[in-house]
Amino acid sequence: MKRWRRLLRWSALPIALILLILGAVTLPLPLPTGVVLIALGLAVAAFNPTLLRRIRRLRGQFPNANHKLRQITPSLPAFIQRILQRTDSRT
């Protein structure tokens, strides 16, 4: 079981990076897909405890982006809401 958990933590990293990059690229588009992709990338990256701490710090450094993530959190599925609340810089 520990082996699977470790594999999940480290395999989540490339997936999260791809989602974050796609979100950053599509952020200027008129559709809000960029913010949703960034939220999904943060949610996937939060499986790694080291990245969880870094995401909290990063969200604290960018209050505008953190505010947008807080705004869309209620409209996302419950598992993403929990992870985004875990990475919120205010908690």
Protein backbone atom coordinates (compact mmCIF):
# COMPACT_ATOMS: atom_id res chain seq x y z
CA MET A 1 0.00 0.00 0.00
CA LYS A 2 2.82 2.41 0.82
CA ARG A 3 4.39 1.72 -2.54
CA TRP A 4 1.20 2.71 -4.37
CA ARG A 5 0.89 5.87 -2.31
CA ARG A 6 4.47 6.86 -3.09
CA LEU A 7 3.92 6.13 -6.78
CA LEU A 8 0.76 8.23 -6.78
CA ARG A 9 2.55 11.14 -5.12
CA TRP A 10 5.36 11.25 -7.65
CA SER A 11 3.28 10.42 -10.73
CA ALA A 12 0.97 13.30 -9.84
CA LEU A 13 3.82 15.77 -10.33
CA PRO A 14 4.11 15.59 -14.16
CA ILE A 15 0.33 15.51 -14.55
CA ALA A 16 -0.01 18.58 -12.34
CA LEU A 17 2.70 20.43 -14.26
CA ILE A 18 0.99 19.72 -17.57
CA LEU A 19 -2.34 20.99 -16.22
CA LEU A 20 -0.72 24.11 -14.75
CA ILE A 21 1.09 24.91 -18.01
CA LEU A 22 -2.09 24.39 -20.05
CA GLY A 23 -3.97 26.59 -17.59
CA ALA A 24 -1.38 29.36 -17.85
CA VAL A 25 -1.48 29.20 -21.65
CA THR A 26 -5.29 29.31 -21.84
CA LEU A 27 -5.71 31.91 -19.07
CA PRO A 28 -5.97 34.91 -21.44
CA LEU A 29 -8.72 33.27 -23.50
CA PRO A 30 -12.26 34.58 -23.04
CA LEU A 31 -13.52 31.23 -21.73
CA PRO A 32 -12.55 30.53 -18.10
CA THR A 33 -10.81 27.26 -18.95
CA GLY A 34 -7.45 28.54 -17.76
CA VAL A 35 -8.60 29.04 -14.18
CA VAL A 36 -10.25 25.62 -14.11
CA LEU A 37 -7.13 23.91 -15.48
CA ILE A 38 -4.96 25.71 -12.92
CA ALA A 39 -7.35 24.61 -10.16
CA LEU A 40 -7.16 21.00 -11.38
CA GLY A 41 -3.37 21.20 -11.55
CA LEU A 42 -3.21 22.48 -7.97
CA ALA A 43 -5.59 19.75 -6.87
CA VAL A 44 -3.45 17.01 -8.43
CA ALA A 45 -0.20 18.53 -7.11
CA ALA A 46 -1.58 18.58 -3.56
CA PHE A 47 -1.08 14.80 -3.33
CA ASN A 48 2.60 15.49 -2.72
CA PRO A 49 3.19 16.99 0.78
CA THR A 50 6.22 18.99 -0.31
CA LEU A 51 4.28 20.53 -3.19
CA LEU A 52 1.35 21.20 -0.86
CA ARG A 53 3.53 23.50 1.26
CA ARG A 54 4.95 25.22 -1.81
CA ILE A 55 1.49 25.75 -3.30
CA ARG A 56 0.33 27.40 -0.06
CA ARG A 57 3.30 29.76 -0.17
CA LEU A 58 2.77 30.46 -3.87
CA ARG A 59 -0.93 31.20 -3.42
CA GLY A 60 0.01 33.63 -0.65
CA GLN A 61 2.36 35.46 -3.00
CA PHE A 62 -0.33 35.93 -5.66
CA PRO A 63 -3.46 37.17 -3.88
CA ASN A 64 -5.38 37.94 -7.09
CA ALA A 65 -4.99 34.40 -8.41
CA ASN A 66 -5.79 33.04 -4.96
CA HIS A 67 -8.98 35.12 -4.89
CA LYS A 68 -10.06 33.76 -8.31
CA LEU A 69 -9.45 30.21 -7.15
CA ARG A 70 -11.55 30.89 -4.05
CA GLN A 71 -14.35 32.26 -6.25
CA ILE A 72 -14.59 29.18 -8.47
CA THR A 73 -14.11 26.63 -5.68
CA PRO A 74 -17.86 26.28 -4.82
CA SER A 75 -18.71 25.41 -8.43
CA LEU A 76 -16.15 22.57 -8.68
CA PRO A 77 -16.61 18.92 -7.69
CA ALA A 78 -16.30 18.13 -3.96
CA PHE A 79 -12.93 16.36 -4.17
CA ILE A 80 -11.36 19.37 -5.92
CA GLN A 81 -12.98 21.74 -3.42
CA ARG A 82 -11.36 19.86 -0.52
CA ILE A 83 -7.94 19.96 -2.10
CA LEU A 84 -8.19 23.63 -3.04
CA GLN A 85 -9.22 24.43 0.51
CA ARG A 86 -6.17 22.50 1.77
CA THR A 87 -3.88 24.58 -0.45
CA ASP A 88 -5.48 27.93 0.44
CA SER A 89 -2.95 30.37 1.84
CA ARG A 90 -5.36 31.62 4.52
CA THR A 91 -5.61 28.26 6.29
